[in-house]
Amino acid sequence: MQVNILNEHGLEEAALGMSLSFKDRAIEVTDWWTHERAGKIRGIMEVNAGRGMGHDKFLRQITVYLMVNAPRYFWSEFDTYKVGVTTQSESTMHTLMRRDMVTEDLEGDQEWAKEELVDIFNEVKNSTDNLTIQILKQFVPESYLQRRVISLNYAVLRCIIDQRSKHKLPEWAFFIDAIYNQCSHPELLPKKDNKKKVGG
């Protein structure tokens, strides 16, 4: 599994929107993000990030783009997150029939099991002239890796961390650790020390 943050943006814009609550008439769009004001507003953002009840809605305006290569069993759970999330993925329709599957296409440490799954898939793929994508998809292992580019926001990331930090699948721990290690604003996420490590 691989998780890479491609880009983040929107912190200053989200902070500007949140600062409107203070009715600071001196704020001008062109020069409002001064060093002094930035320090103050970021402190307020950090406090409000965990409050909920609309106090943290600025998190929805801080966008994160990810490239994730994960097994199908991970994606079936990730697809729970629909609001504030857009994904584009590798198409199995266009990739499954191009070449034989190899063990590197699968997640997992059990090489013998991966070899068996690959052999079964390739045998089906190469066994008939009347093969359809529908038949082939019936034999795709759940450990088959698929890449997706995802756009989401810090509100979604907080939700994922709150809901999945104690999950039994180690892929969730890997995903969450990658977010903490790569994101630009970990202070806006739940405190990592409060989260139990999955599998620990």
C-alpha atoms as a PDB file:
ATOM      1  CA  MET A   1       0.000   0.000   0.000  1.00  0.00           C
ATOM      2  CA  GLN A   2       1.165   3.525  -0.758  1.00  0.00           C
ATOM      3  CA  VAL A   3      -0.235   6.874   0.368  1.00  0.00           C
ATOM      4  CA  ASN A   4       1.169  10.153  -0.952  1.00  0.00           C
ATOM      5  CA  ILE A   5      -0.123  13.676  -0.441  1.00  0.00           C
ATOM      6  CA  LEU A   6       0.108  15.401  -3.817  1.00  0.00           C
ATOM      7  CA  ASN A   7      -1.036  18.873  -2.817  1.00  0.00           C
ATOM      8  CA  GLU A   8      -2.806  20.922  -0.165  1.00  0.00           C
ATOM      9  CA  HIS A   9      -4.371  24.339  -0.394  1.00  0.00           C
ATOM     10  CA  GLY A  10      -6.925  26.633   1.162  1.00  0.00           C
ATOM     11  CA  LEU A  11      -5.577  27.300   4.672  1.00  0.00           C
ATOM     12  CA  GLU A  12      -5.371  31.070   4.220  1.00  0.00           C
ATOM     13  CA  GLU A  13      -8.743  31.256   2.494  1.00  0.00           C
ATOM     14  CA  ALA A  14     -10.367  29.137   5.206  1.00  0.00           C
ATOM     15  CA  ALA A  15      -8.748  31.321   7.868  1.00  0.00           C
ATOM     16  CA  LEU A  16     -10.031  34.455   6.159  1.00  0.00           C
ATOM     17  CA  GLY A  17     -13.553  33.047   6.151  1.00  0.00           C
ATOM     18  CA  MET A  18     -13.320  32.126   9.819  1.00  0.00           C
ATOM     19  CA  SER A  19     -11.956  35.579  10.722  1.00  0.00           C
ATOM     20  CA  LEU A  20     -15.097  37.224   9.338  1.00  0.00           C
ATOM     21  CA  SER A  21     -16.799  36.087  12.541  1.00  0.00           C
ATOM     22  CA  PHE A  22     -14.649  38.584  14.431  1.00  0.00           C
ATOM     23  CA  LYS A  23     -16.067  41.492  12.390  1.00  0.00           C
ATOM     24  CA  ASP A  24     -12.594  42.954  11.986  1.00  0.00           C
ATOM     25  CA  ARG A  25     -13.317  45.847   9.640  1.00  0.00           C
ATOM     26  CA  ALA A  26      -9.589  46.373   9.133  1.00  0.00           C
ATOM     27  CA  ILE A  27      -9.356  43.097   7.240  1.00  0.00           C
ATOM     28  CA  GLU A  28      -8.688  43.594   3.558  1.00  0.00           C
ATOM     29  CA  VAL A  29      -8.478  40.641   1.212  1.00  0.00           C
ATOM     30  CA  THR A  30      -5.180  41.822  -0.282  1.00  0.00           C
ATOM     31  CA  ASP A  31      -3.151  42.151   2.904  1.00  0.00           C
ATOM     32  CA  TRP A  32      -5.035  40.503   5.734  1.00  0.00           C
ATOM     33  CA  TRP A  33      -2.615  37.552   6.235  1.00  0.00           C
ATOM     34  CA  THR A  34       0.028  39.463   8.176  1.00  0.00           C
ATOM     35  CA  HIS A  35       2.483  37.636  10.401  1.00  0.00           C
ATOM     36  CA  GLU A  36       0.806  38.925  13.554  1.00  0.00           C
ATOM     37  CA  ARG A  37      -2.715  38.104  12.416  1.00  0.00           C
ATOM     38  CA  ALA A  38      -1.685  34.706  10.980  1.00  0.00           C
ATOM     39  CA  GLY A  39      -0.297  33.565  14.337  1.00  0.00           C
ATOM     40  CA  LYS A  40      -3.459  34.607  16.165  1.00  0.00           C
ATOM     41  CA  ILE A  41      -5.910  33.129  13.681  1.00  0.00           C
ATOM     42  CA  ARG A  42      -4.021  29.818  13.405  1.00  0.00           C
ATOM     43  CA  GLY A  43      -4.183  29.463  17.166  1.00  0.00           C
ATOM     44  CA  ILE A  44      -7.951  29.963  17.026  1.00  0.00           C
ATOM     45  CA  MET A  45      -8.206  27.460  14.169  1.00  0.00           C
ATOM     46  CA  GLU A  46      -6.346  24.841  16.184  1.00  0.00           C
ATOM     47  CA  VAL A  47      -8.680  25.268  19.153  1.00  0.00           C
ATOM     48  CA  ASN A  48     -11.818  25.194  16.988  1.00  0.00           C
ATOM     49  CA  ALA A  49     -10.699  22.234  14.851  1.00  0.00           C
ATOM     50  CA  GLY A  50     -11.906  19.742  17.431  1.00  0.00           C
ATOM     51  CA  ARG A  51     -15.015  21.539  18.666  1.00  0.00           C
ATOM     52  CA  GLY A  52     -17.517  20.472  16.017  1.00  0.00           C
ATOM     53  CA  MET A  53     -20.995  22.047  16.073  1.00  0.00           C
ATOM     54  CA  GLY A  54     -20.083  24.269  13.120  1.00  0.00           C
ATOM     55  CA  HIS A  55     -17.106  25.846  14.882  1.00  0.00           C
ATOM     56  CA  ASP A  56     -14.817  23.745  12.685  1.00  0.00           C
ATOM     57  CA  LYS A  57     -16.510  24.213   9.308  1.00  0.00           C
ATOM     58  CA  PHE A  58     -13.404  26.028   8.037  1.00  0.00           C
ATOM     59  CA  LEU A  59     -11.797  22.551   7.844  1.00  0.00           C
ATOM     60  CA  ARG A  60     -14.015  21.788   4.850  1.00  0.00           C
ATOM     61  CA  GLN A  61     -12.251  24.524   2.889  1.00  0.00           C
ATOM     62  CA  ILE A  62      -8.729  23.129   3.315  1.00  0.00           C
ATOM     63  CA  THR A  63      -8.366  20.690   0.433  1.00  0.00           C
ATOM     64  CA  VAL A  64      -5.959  17.753   0.273  1.00  0.00           C
ATOM     65  CA  TYR A  65      -5.112  15.718  -2.833  1.00  0.00           C
ATOM     66  CA  LEU A  66      -3.865  12.163  -2.328  1.00  0.00           C
ATOM     67  CA  MET A  67      -2.548   9.363  -4.503  1.00  0.00           C
ATOM     68  CA  VAL A  68      -3.361   6.050  -2.814  1.00  0.00           C
ATOM     69  CA  ASN A  69      -2.538   2.551  -4.026  1.00  0.00           C
ATOM     70  CA  ALA A  70      -4.580   0.166  -1.890  1.00  0.00           C
ATOM     71  CA  PRO A  71      -6.248  -3.251  -2.039  1.00  0.00           C
ATOM     72  CA  ARG A  72      -9.889  -3.650  -2.969  1.00  0.00           C
ATOM     73  CA  TYR A  73     -10.826  -4.634   0.585  1.00  0.00           C
ATOM     74  CA  PHE A  74      -9.541  -1.243   1.785  1.00  0.00           C
ATOM     75  CA  TRP A  75     -11.453   0.637  -0.920  1.00  0.00           C
ATOM     76  CA  SER A  76     -14.705  -1.103  -0.019  1.00  0.00           C
ATOM     77  CA  GLU A  77     -14.400   0.496   3.438  1.00  0.00           C
ATOM     78  CA  PHE A  78     -13.005   3.827   2.242  1.00  0.00           C
ATOM     79  CA  ASP A  79     -16.035   4.236  -0.011  1.00  0.00           C
ATOM     80  CA  THR A  80     -18.052   4.937   3.148  1.00  0.00           C
ATOM     81  CA  TYR A  81     -16.645   8.458   2.895  1.00  0.00           C
ATOM     82  CA  LYS A  82     -18.628  10.153   0.145  1.00  0.00           C
ATOM     83  CA  VAL A  83     -19.418  13.662   1.385  1.00  0.00           C
ATOM     84  CA  GLY A  84     -16.549  16.023   0.643  1.00  0.00           C
ATOM     85  CA  VAL A  85     -14.641  13.286  -1.206  1.00  0.00           C
ATOM     86  CA  THR A  86     -14.019  12.823  -4.927  1.00  0.00           C
ATOM     87  CA  THR A  87     -11.990   9.930  -6.348  1.00  0.00           C
ATOM     88  CA  GLN A  88     -10.685   8.944  -9.744  1.00  0.00           C
ATOM     89  CA  SER A  89      -9.323   5.441 -10.093  1.00  0.00           C
ATOM     90  CA  GLU A  90      -7.570   3.027 -12.361  1.00  0.00           C
ATOM     91  CA  SER A  91     -10.239   1.294 -14.391  1.00  0.00           C
ATOM     92  CA  THR A  92     -10.334  -2.457 -13.941  1.00  0.00           C
ATOM     93  CA  MET A  93     -12.400  -2.505 -17.119  1.00  0.00           C
ATOM     94  CA  HIS A  94      -9.372  -1.282 -19.083  1.00  0.00           C
ATOM     95  CA  THR A  95      -6.503  -2.861 -17.131  1.00  0.00           C
ATOM     96  CA  LEU A  96      -7.486  -6.415 -16.225  1.00  0.00           C
ATOM     97  CA  MET A  97      -7.399  -7.778 -19.776  1.00  0.00           C
ATOM     98  CA  ARG A  98      -4.221  -6.010 -20.919  1.00  0.00           C
ATOM     99  CA  ARG A  99      -1.726  -8.333 -19.278  1.00  0.00           C
ATOM    100  CA  ASP A 100      -1.417 -11.273 -16.935  1.00  0.00           C
ATOM    101  CA  MET A 101      -1.588 -10.512 -13.237  1.00  0.00           C
ATOM    102  CA  VAL A 102       1.636 -10.717 -11.183  1.00  0.00           C
ATOM    103  CA  THR A 103       2.146 -11.054  -7.435  1.00  0.00           C
ATOM    104  CA  GLU A 104       3.190  -7.384  -7.226  1.00  0.00           C
ATOM    105  CA  ASP A 105      -0.403  -6.504  -8.142  1.00  0.00           C
ATOM    106  CA  LEU A 106      -1.546  -7.869  -4.778  1.00  0.00           C
ATOM    107  CA  GLU A 107      -1.248  -6.638  -1.203  1.00  0.00           C
ATOM    108  CA  GLY A 108       0.086  -9.008   1.459  1.00  0.00           C
ATOM    109  CA  ASP A 109       3.113 -10.854   2.805  1.00  0.00           C
ATOM    110  CA  GLN A 110       2.064 -14.447   2.065  1.00  0.00           C
ATOM    111  CA  GLU A 111       3.840 -15.038  -1.253  1.00  0.00           C
ATOM    112  CA  TRP A 112       2.518 -18.577  -1.666  1.00  0.00           C
ATOM    113  CA  ALA A 113      -1.070 -17.317  -1.319  1.00  0.00           C
ATOM    114  CA  LYS A 114      -0.461 -14.467  -3.746  1.00  0.00           C
ATOM    115  CA  GLU A 115       1.007 -16.897  -6.273  1.00  0.00           C
ATOM    116  CA  GLU A 116      -2.062 -19.134  -6.019  1.00  0.00           C
ATOM    117  CA  LEU A 117      -4.438 -16.209  -6.501  1.00  0.00           C
ATOM    118  CA  VAL A 118      -2.452 -14.940  -9.476  1.00  0.00           C
ATOM    119  CA  ASP A 119      -2.383 -18.402 -11.047  1.00  0.00           C
ATOM    120  CA  ILE A 120      -6.156 -18.797 -10.697  1.00  0.00           C
ATOM    121  CA  PHE A 121      -6.836 -15.367 -12.180  1.00  0.00           C
ATOM    122  CA  ASN A 122      -4.459 -15.874 -15.110  1.00  0.00           C
ATOM    123  CA  GLU A 123      -5.841 -19.318 -15.811  1.00  0.00           C
ATOM    124  CA  VAL A 124      -9.349 -17.875 -16.141  1.00  0.00           C
ATOM    125  CA  LYS A 125      -8.071 -14.930 -18.169  1.00  0.00           C
ATOM    126  CA  ASN A 126      -6.264 -17.138 -20.664  1.00  0.00           C
ATOM    127  CA  SER A 127      -8.642 -20.097 -20.773  1.00  0.00           C
ATOM    128  CA  THR A 128     -11.402 -18.980 -23.118  1.00  0.00           C
ATOM    129  CA  ASP A 129     -11.953 -16.992 -26.274  1.00  0.00           C
ATOM    130  CA  ASN A 130     -15.351 -15.847 -24.997  1.00  0.00           C
ATOM    131  CA  LEU A 131     -14.023 -14.130 -21.898  1.00  0.00           C
ATOM    132  CA  THR A 132     -15.975 -11.076 -20.759  1.00  0.00           C
ATOM    133  CA  ILE A 133     -14.965  -8.422 -18.260  1.00  0.00           C
ATOM    134  CA  GLN A 134     -17.884  -9.580 -16.106  1.00  0.00           C
ATOM    135  CA  ILE A 135     -16.428 -13.087 -15.828  1.00  0.00           C
ATOM    136  CA  LEU A 136     -12.929 -11.795 -15.224  1.00  0.00           C
ATOM    137  CA  LYS A 137     -14.041  -9.428 -12.456  1.00  0.00           C
ATOM    138  CA  GLN A 138     -15.544 -12.383 -10.608  1.00  0.00           C
ATOM    139  CA  PHE A 139     -12.006 -13.705 -10.104  1.00  0.00           C
ATOM    140  CA  VAL A 140     -10.232 -10.490  -9.067  1.00  0.00           C
ATOM    141  CA  PRO A 141      -8.741 -11.057  -5.576  1.00  0.00           C
ATOM    142  CA  GLU A 142      -9.755  -8.689  -2.785  1.00  0.00           C
ATOM    143  CA  SER A 143      -6.043  -7.989  -2.292  1.00  0.00           C
ATOM    144  CA  TYR A 144      -5.745  -6.566  -5.831  1.00  0.00           C
ATOM    145  CA  LEU A 145      -4.142  -3.108  -5.665  1.00  0.00           C
ATOM    146  CA  GLN A 146      -5.881  -0.157  -7.281  1.00  0.00           C
ATOM    147  CA  ARG A 147      -4.629   3.424  -7.474  1.00  0.00           C
ATOM    148  CA  ARG A 148      -6.901   6.385  -6.852  1.00  0.00           C
ATOM    149  CA  VAL A 149      -6.391  10.119  -6.823  1.00  0.00           C
ATOM    150  CA  ILE A 150      -8.554  11.495  -4.042  1.00  0.00           C
ATOM    151  CA  SER A 151      -9.578  15.020  -3.167  1.00  0.00           C
ATOM    152  CA  LEU A 152     -10.940  15.546   0.315  1.00  0.00           C
ATOM    153  CA  ASN A 153     -10.563  18.030   3.139  1.00  0.00           C
ATOM    154  CA  TYR A 154      -9.406  18.270   6.730  1.00  0.00           C
ATOM    155  CA  ALA A 155     -12.937  17.719   8.059  1.00  0.00           C
ATOM    156  CA  VAL A 156     -13.035  14.355   6.278  1.00  0.00           C
ATOM    157  CA  LEU A 157      -9.533  13.489   7.505  1.00  0.00           C
ATOM    158  CA  ARG A 158     -10.576  14.195  11.109  1.00  0.00           C
ATOM    159  CA  CYS A 159     -13.609  11.962  10.636  1.00  0.00           C
ATOM    160  CA  ILE A 160     -11.497   9.136   9.179  1.00  0.00           C
ATOM    161  CA  ILE A 161      -8.981   9.360  12.014  1.00  0.00           C
ATOM    162  CA  ASP A 162     -11.711   9.390  14.674  1.00  0.00           C
ATOM    163  CA  GLN A 163     -13.525   6.428  13.136  1.00  0.00           C
ATOM    164  CA  ARG A 164     -10.638   4.256  11.907  1.00  0.00           C
ATOM    165  CA  SER A 165      -7.737   4.750  14.323  1.00  0.00           C
ATOM    166  CA  LYS A 166      -8.652   1.584  16.242  1.00  0.00           C
ATOM    167  CA  HIS A 167      -9.638  -0.461  13.208  1.00  0.00           C
ATOM    168  CA  LYS A 168      -8.441  -4.054  12.904  1.00  0.00           C
ATOM    169  CA  LEU A 169      -7.209  -3.647   9.322  1.00  0.00           C
ATOM    170  CA  PRO A 170      -3.560  -2.481   9.480  1.00  0.00           C
ATOM    171  CA  GLU A 171      -4.059  -0.542   6.240  1.00  0.00           C
ATOM    172  CA  TRP A 172      -6.032   2.064   8.188  1.00  0.00           C
ATOM    173  CA  ALA A 173      -3.117   2.585  10.591  1.00  0.00           C
ATOM    174  CA  PHE A 174      -0.793   2.914   7.599  1.00  0.00           C
ATOM    175  CA  PHE A 175      -3.121   5.446   5.943  1.00  0.00           C
ATOM    176  CA  ILE A 176      -3.506   7.529   9.110  1.00  0.00           C
ATOM    177  CA  ASP A 177       0.241   7.528   9.843  1.00  0.00           C
ATOM    178  CA  ALA A 178       0.942   8.646   6.276  1.00  0.00           C
ATOM    179  CA  ILE A 179      -1.483  11.551   6.691  1.00  0.00           C
ATOM    180  CA  TYR A 180       0.109  12.687   9.952  1.00  0.00           C
ATOM    181  CA  ASN A 181       3.625  12.342   8.510  1.00  0.00           C
ATOM    182  CA  GLN A 182       2.920  14.200   5.270  1.00  0.00           C
ATOM    183  CA  CYS A 183       0.175  16.756   5.898  1.00  0.00           C
ATOM    184  CA  SER A 184       1.000  20.449   6.235  1.00  0.00           C
ATOM    185  CA  HIS A 185      -1.245  21.098   9.241  1.00  0.00           C
ATOM    186  CA  PRO A 186      -1.253  18.132  11.667  1.00  0.00           C
ATOM    187  CA  GLU A 187      -2.257  20.556  14.426  1.00  0.00           C
ATOM    188  CA  LEU A 188      -5.735  20.646  12.857  1.00  0.00           C
ATOM    189  CA  LEU A 189      -6.119  16.869  13.184  1.00  0.00           C
ATOM    190  CA  PRO A 190      -6.907  14.900  16.373  1.00  0.00           C
ATOM    191  CA  LYS A 191      -3.906  14.716  18.660  1.00  0.00           C
ATOM    192  CA  LYS A 192      -1.954  11.653  17.582  1.00  0.00           C
ATOM    193  CA  ASP A 193      -1.048  10.666  21.151  1.00  0.00           C
ATOM    194  CA  ASN A 194      -4.750  10.192  21.894  1.00  0.00           C
ATOM    195  CA  LYS A 195      -5.141   7.634  19.130  1.00  0.00           C
ATOM    196  CA  LYS A 196      -4.464   3.972  19.791  1.00  0.00           C
ATOM    197  CA  LYS A 197      -2.184   2.449  17.173  1.00  0.00           C
ATOM    198  CA  VAL A 198      -3.980  -0.176  15.122  1.00  0.00           C
ATOM    199  CA  GLY A 199      -2.614  -3.639  15.744  1.00  0.00           C
ATOM    200  CA  GLY A 200      -0.816  -2.423  18.870  1.00  0.00           C
END
